[in-house]
Protein backbone atom coordinates (compact mmCIF):
# COMPACT_ATOMS: atom_id res chain seq x y z
CA UNK A 1 -28.96 1.95 -2.79
CA UNK A 2 -26.07 0.51 -0.96
CA UNK A 3 -25.51 2.31 2.59
CA UNK A 4 -21.72 2.78 3.01
CA UNK A 5 -19.95 2.13 6.22
CA UNK A 6 -18.29 4.99 8.08
CA UNK A 7 -14.88 6.13 6.99
CA UNK A 8 -12.90 7.53 9.96
CA UNK A 9 -9.70 9.55 9.34
CA UNK A 10 -7.29 10.23 12.02
CA UNK A 11 -6.93 13.97 13.24
CA UNK A 12 -4.10 15.50 11.15
CA UNK A 13 -1.93 16.51 13.95
CA UNK A 14 1.69 17.58 13.62
CA UNK A 15 2.81 14.25 14.83
CA UNK A 16 0.86 12.48 12.19
CA UNK A 17 2.19 14.89 9.46
CA UNK A 18 5.77 14.00 10.53
CA UNK A 19 5.10 10.39 10.43
CA UNK A 20 3.56 10.56 6.84
CA UNK A 21 6.40 12.65 5.63
CA UNK A 22 8.94 9.97 6.72
CA UNK A 23 6.41 7.31 5.39
CA UNK A 24 6.74 8.91 1.86
CA UNK A 25 10.27 9.97 2.05
CA UNK A 26 12.50 8.28 -0.68
CA UNK A 27 15.46 8.27 1.81
CA UNK A 28 13.78 6.29 4.52
CA UNK A 29 15.41 2.95 5.22
CA UNK A 30 13.57 -0.28 6.00
CA UNK A 31 14.09 0.06 9.76
CA UNK A 32 12.86 3.64 9.63
CA UNK A 33 9.86 2.65 7.60
CA UNK A 34 8.92 -0.22 9.88
CA UNK A 35 9.26 1.98 12.96
CA UNK A 36 7.15 4.66 11.19
CA UNK A 37 4.40 1.99 10.37
CA UNK A 38 4.46 0.91 13.99
CA UNK A 39 3.86 4.49 15.26
CA UNK A 40 1.18 4.99 12.74
CA UNK A 41 -0.53 1.69 13.88
CA UNK A 42 -0.41 2.89 17.41
CA UNK A 43 -2.47 5.90 16.41
CA UNK A 44 -4.71 3.86 14.29
CA UNK A 45 -5.50 1.26 16.99
CA UNK A 46 -6.05 4.06 19.66
CA UNK A 47 -8.46 5.71 17.46
CA UNK A 48 -10.18 2.44 16.75
CA UNK A 49 -10.51 1.44 20.33
CA UNK A 50 -11.93 5.05 21.14
CA UNK A 51 -14.58 4.68 18.41
CA UNK A 52 -15.36 0.78 18.94
CA UNK A 53 -15.20 -0.19 22.69
CA UNK A 54 -15.71 -3.93 21.76
CA UNK A 55 -12.03 -3.90 20.74
CA UNK A 56 -10.97 -3.39 24.21
CA UNK A 57 -13.38 -6.04 25.81
CA UNK A 58 -13.29 -9.04 23.46
CA UNK A 59 -11.14 -11.17 21.27
CA UNK A 60 -10.08 -10.09 17.85
CA UNK A 61 -8.75 -11.77 14.79
CA UNK A 62 -6.31 -9.85 12.51
CA UNK A 63 -5.99 -10.39 8.69
CA UNK A 64 -2.60 -8.59 7.51
CA UNK A 65 -2.63 -8.44 3.82
CA UNK A 66 0.83 -9.82 3.01
CA UNK A 67 3.55 -8.65 3.04
CA UNK A 68 3.00 -5.02 3.41
CA UNK A 69 0.79 -5.07 6.46
CA UNK A 70 2.93 -7.34 8.75
CA UNK A 71 4.46 -4.34 10.47
CA UNK A 72 0.95 -3.31 11.32
CA UNK A 73 0.24 -6.68 12.85
CA UNK A 74 3.48 -6.57 14.75
CA UNK A 75 2.49 -3.12 16.30
CA UNK A 76 -1.22 -3.79 16.80
CA UNK A 77 -1.05 -7.18 18.34
CA UNK A 78 0.21 -6.03 21.75
CA UNK A 79 -2.20 -3.12 21.99
CA UNK A 80 -5.38 -5.42 21.82
CA UNK A 81 -6.38 -7.59 24.63
CA UNK A 82 -6.38 -11.08 22.98
CA UNK A 83 -5.63 -11.64 19.18
CA UNK A 84 -5.19 -14.30 16.67
CA UNK A 85 -3.89 -13.99 13.10
CA UNK A 86 -4.95 -15.39 9.70
CA UNK A 87 -2.76 -14.72 6.86
CA UNK A 88 -3.89 -13.80 3.45
CA UNK A 89 -1.74 -13.05 0.45
CA UNK A 90 -3.36 -10.83 -2.39
CA UNK A 91 -1.88 -10.29 -5.82
CA UNK A 92 -2.92 -8.06 -8.64
CA UNK A 93 -1.18 -6.83 -11.96
CA UNK A 94 -1.00 -3.10 -12.12
CA UNK A 95 -3.61 -1.82 -14.45
CA UNK A 96 -6.15 -4.52 -14.10
CA UNK A 97 -8.64 -5.47 -11.57
CA UNK A 98 -7.80 -9.21 -11.45
CA UNK A 99 -7.04 -9.92 -7.76
CA UNK A 100 -6.30 -13.39 -6.44
CA UNK A 101 -6.68 -14.09 -2.84
CA UNK A 102 -4.56 -16.83 -1.22
CA UNK A 103 -5.46 -18.04 2.28
CA UNK A 104 -2.18 -19.36 3.78
CA UNK A 105 -3.83 -21.76 6.45
CA UNK A 106 -7.29 -21.80 7.74
CA UNK A 107 -9.96 -19.16 6.72
CA UNK A 108 -11.88 -17.01 9.02
CA UNK A 109 -15.17 -18.56 8.48
CA UNK A 110 -16.53 -20.67 10.06
CA UNK A 111 -14.97 -18.87 13.09
CA UNK A 112 -13.37 -20.47 16.15
CA UNK A 113 -15.08 -19.72 19.35
CA UNK A 114 -12.39 -17.33 20.38
CA UNK A 115 -11.86 -15.41 17.05
CA UNK A 116 -13.94 -12.35 17.80
CA UNK A 117 -14.18 -9.32 15.54
CA UNK A 118 -12.24 -9.51 12.34
CA UNK A 119 -9.71 -6.74 11.63
CA UNK A 120 -8.28 -6.35 7.99
CA UNK A 121 -4.82 -4.59 7.93
CA UNK A 122 -3.33 -3.09 4.94
CA UNK A 123 -0.58 -0.42 4.75
CA UNK A 124 -1.56 0.98 1.43
CA UNK A 125 -5.11 1.13 -0.42
CA UNK A 126 -4.57 2.72 -3.88
CA UNK A 127 -7.43 1.43 -6.18
CA UNK A 128 -9.20 -0.54 -3.49
CA UNK A 129 -9.47 -3.65 -5.79
CA UNK A 130 -7.49 -5.86 -3.40
CA UNK A 131 -9.30 -5.23 -0.20
CA UNK A 132 -12.63 -5.14 -1.91
CA UNK A 133 -11.95 -8.71 -3.29
CA UNK A 134 -10.92 -9.72 0.19
CA UNK A 135 -14.13 -8.37 1.73
CA UNK A 136 -16.14 -10.04 -1.01
CA UNK A 137 -14.72 -13.25 -0.05
CA UNK A 138 -15.28 -12.73 3.52
CA UNK A 139 -18.95 -11.72 2.71
CA UNK A 140 -19.52 -15.02 0.96
CA UNK A 141 -17.57 -17.18 3.51
CA UNK A 142 -19.55 -15.74 6.44
CA UNK A 143 -22.89 -16.46 4.76
CA UNK A 144 -23.49 -12.79 4.08
CA UNK A 145 -22.91 -11.62 7.60
CA UNK A 146 -23.38 -7.90 7.31
CA UNK A 147 -21.03 -5.48 8.96
CA UNK A 148 -18.80 -7.98 10.69
CA UNK A 149 -15.36 -6.67 9.36
CA UNK A 150 -13.25 -3.65 10.22
CA UNK A 151 -10.60 -2.28 7.74
CA UNK A 152 -7.54 -0.33 9.11
CA UNK A 153 -5.09 1.26 6.89
CA UNK A 154 -2.35 3.90 7.05
CA UNK A 155 -2.60 5.63 3.62
CA UNK A 156 -5.46 5.34 1.11
CA UNK A 157 -7.13 7.06 -1.85
CA UNK A 158 -10.40 8.62 -1.22
CA UNK A 159 -12.18 6.70 -4.05
CA UNK A 160 -10.73 3.49 -2.82
CA UNK A 161 -12.12 4.10 0.66
CA UNK A 162 -15.53 4.63 -0.68
CA UNK A 163 -15.32 1.35 -2.64
CA UNK A 164 -14.25 -0.43 0.48
CA UNK A 165 -16.94 1.22 2.61
CA UNK A 166 -19.62 -0.01 0.27
CA UNK A 167 -18.82 -3.59 0.84
CA UNK A 168 -21.68 -4.99 2.98
CA UNK A 169 -19.40 -6.92 5.20
CA UNK A 170 -17.45 -3.85 6.37
CA UNK A 171 -18.60 -2.23 9.58
CA UNK A 172 -16.20 0.70 9.35
CA UNK A 173 -13.02 1.91 7.66
CA UNK A 174 -10.19 3.62 9.60
CA UNK A 175 -7.37 5.36 7.77
CA UNK A 176 -4.31 7.13 8.89
CA UNK A 177 -4.40 9.72 6.24
CA UNK A 178 -6.33 10.06 2.74
CA UNK A 179 -4.21 10.83 -0.26
CA UNK A 180 -5.20 13.38 -2.70
CA UNK A 181 -5.99 10.67 -5.43
CA UNK A 182 -4.71 7.56 -7.07
CA UNK A 183 -3.18 8.16 -10.49
CA UNK A 184 -3.91 6.46 -13.75
CA UNK A 185 -1.17 3.96 -13.05
CA UNK A 186 -2.47 2.96 -9.58
CA UNK A 187 -0.13 4.94 -7.38
CA UNK A 188 -1.05 7.19 -4.67
CA UNK A 189 -0.59 10.99 -4.92
CA UNK A 190 1.55 12.46 -2.99
CA UNK A 191 3.71 9.46 -4.05
CA UNK A 192 5.24 7.16 -1.58
CA UNK A 193 8.53 7.41 -3.66
CA UNK A 194 8.98 3.73 -4.18
CA UNK A 195 7.01 0.30 -3.85
CA UNK A 196 5.90 0.18 -0.32
CA UNK A 197 7.05 -3.36 0.03
CA UNK A 198 10.64 -2.67 -1.29
CA UNK A 199 10.72 0.34 1.18
CA UNK A 200 9.67 -1.84 4.24
CA UNK A 201 11.87 -4.80 3.60
CA UNK A 202 14.52 -3.63 1.22
CA UNK A 203 15.12 -4.67 -2.33
CA UNK A 204 12.90 -6.86 -4.41
CA UNK A 205 10.37 -8.48 -2.29
CA UNK A 206 7.49 -9.30 -4.44
CA UNK A 207 7.14 -12.15 -7.04
CA UNK A 208 5.44 -9.76 -9.43
CA UNK A 209 8.29 -7.16 -9.20
CA UNK A 210 10.01 -6.66 -12.54
CA UNK A 211 12.97 -4.73 -11.48
CA UNK A 212 15.77 -5.31 -9.08
CA UNK A 213 17.85 -3.11 -6.77
CA UNK A 214 19.26 0.26 -7.86
CA UNK A 215 23.06 -0.56 -8.54
CA UNK A 216 25.19 2.51 -7.67
CA UNK A 217 28.82 2.88 -8.98
CA UNK A 218 31.59 2.86 -6.60
CA UNK A 219 32.49 6.30 -5.17
CA UNK A 220 29.17 7.86 -5.92
CA UNK A 221 27.00 9.21 -3.16
CA UNK A 222 24.29 6.47 -2.63
CA UNK A 223 21.79 8.73 -0.94
CA UNK A 224 21.91 11.46 -3.61
CA UNK A 225 21.85 8.90 -6.57
CA UNK A 226 18.66 7.15 -5.02
CA UNK A 227 17.02 10.31 -4.49
CA UNK A 228 17.49 11.50 -8.12
CA UNK A 229 16.45 8.01 -9.61
CA UNK A 230 13.47 7.71 -7.42
CA UNK A 231 11.83 10.91 -8.71
CA UNK A 232 12.22 9.71 -12.33
CA UNK A 233 10.61 6.32 -11.92
CA UNK A 234 6.96 5.70 -13.15
CA UNK A 235 5.67 4.75 -9.55
CA UNK A 236 6.55 8.07 -8.47
CA UNK A 237 5.02 9.98 -11.26
CA UNK A 238 8.00 9.93 -13.58
CA UNK A 239 8.43 8.36 -17.04
CA UNK A 240 11.24 5.70 -16.49
CA UNK A 241 11.48 2.29 -15.27
CA UNK A 242 14.47 0.54 -13.57
CA UNK A 243 16.19 -2.15 -15.70
CA UNK A 244 16.06 -5.68 -14.40
CA UNK A 245 19.91 -5.57 -13.47
CA UNK A 246 19.37 -2.19 -11.63
CA UNK A 247 22.15 -0.41 -13.39
CA UNK A 248 20.06 1.83 -15.65
CA UNK A 249 16.66 3.39 -16.32
CA UNK A 250 14.71 3.04 -19.57
CA UNK A 251 11.85 4.45 -21.30
CA UNK A 252 9.65 3.20 -24.23
CA UNK A 253 8.56 5.85 -26.84
CA UNK A 254 6.34 4.96 -29.75
CA UNK A 255 6.36 6.88 -33.01
CA UNK A 256 4.06 6.55 -35.91
CA UNK A 257 6.89 5.71 -38.37
CA UNK A 258 10.47 5.44 -39.22
CA UNK A 259 10.81 9.31 -40.16
CA UNK A 260 8.99 10.50 -36.94
CA UNK A 261 11.21 8.23 -34.91
CA UNK A 262 14.45 9.49 -36.49
CA UNK A 263 13.42 13.25 -36.19
CA UNK A 264 12.36 12.56 -32.65
CA UNK A 265 15.65 10.88 -31.75
CA UNK A 266 17.75 13.70 -33.35
CA UNK A 267 15.81 16.33 -31.45
CA UNK A 268 16.44 14.41 -28.14
CA UNK A 269 20.00 14.18 -28.82
CA UNK A 270 20.46 17.77 -29.63
CA UNK A 271 18.49 18.78 -26.50
CA UNK A 272 20.75 16.42 -24.38
CA UNK A 273 23.89 17.95 -25.91
CA UNK A 274 22.66 21.39 -25.14
CA UNK A 275 21.82 20.42 -21.65
CA UNK A 276 25.23 18.91 -21.10
């Protein structure tokens, strides 16, 4: 039986609740999101240092999972006595468990003399597949060095945390807040109301993103339009996707035959006319 590493959650204080509300808000700008992640990271590093005194006494090497964890690295770096950084980019298609890890530069093993403890940073852990894959590679690279890596994240699903904690290379996991669950599409509930990378950096940031920015007609109130559209999108629990040019939303509905499709369309049009 595999022994899991400890999972530590921050005390759910009013300050943390305010930060997480802002983190999940659809109206938070990239600047507000980055400031919020910086504040959450301060709380996480403070808790980690209280739990693990070695973080205040020796070198550390941080691996922020790109690109979402870069604000965590920016905030964490001055809070630790001496740090270095190794970059890893992980990619996974939604709905699959196929994760690819790209090491952008040197790898953490074999270590340099001043590398110290390894801290993996990730803003969101939804299914856990990405972090688990990274930890599996660290385990193999290290020559199966048990309990030598710490995982720090801001928001994560309970099941995903358990998966990460079962990785033999993980010493402990520290999370800002547990989500209620990860839905069947791979999004955390309560929803973050938008792709976390888009919210941090603005617009389309990932090569795997299939939609662009939301285009708002001249004269419309942008904040209210964005708020209304965000609640309809799949990643926030809705049924619609943004089109590639960002000017509309679309949804695919499949029927068993032409007759059923025609009746369904007719009913939908009647419903919309009544609603208008």
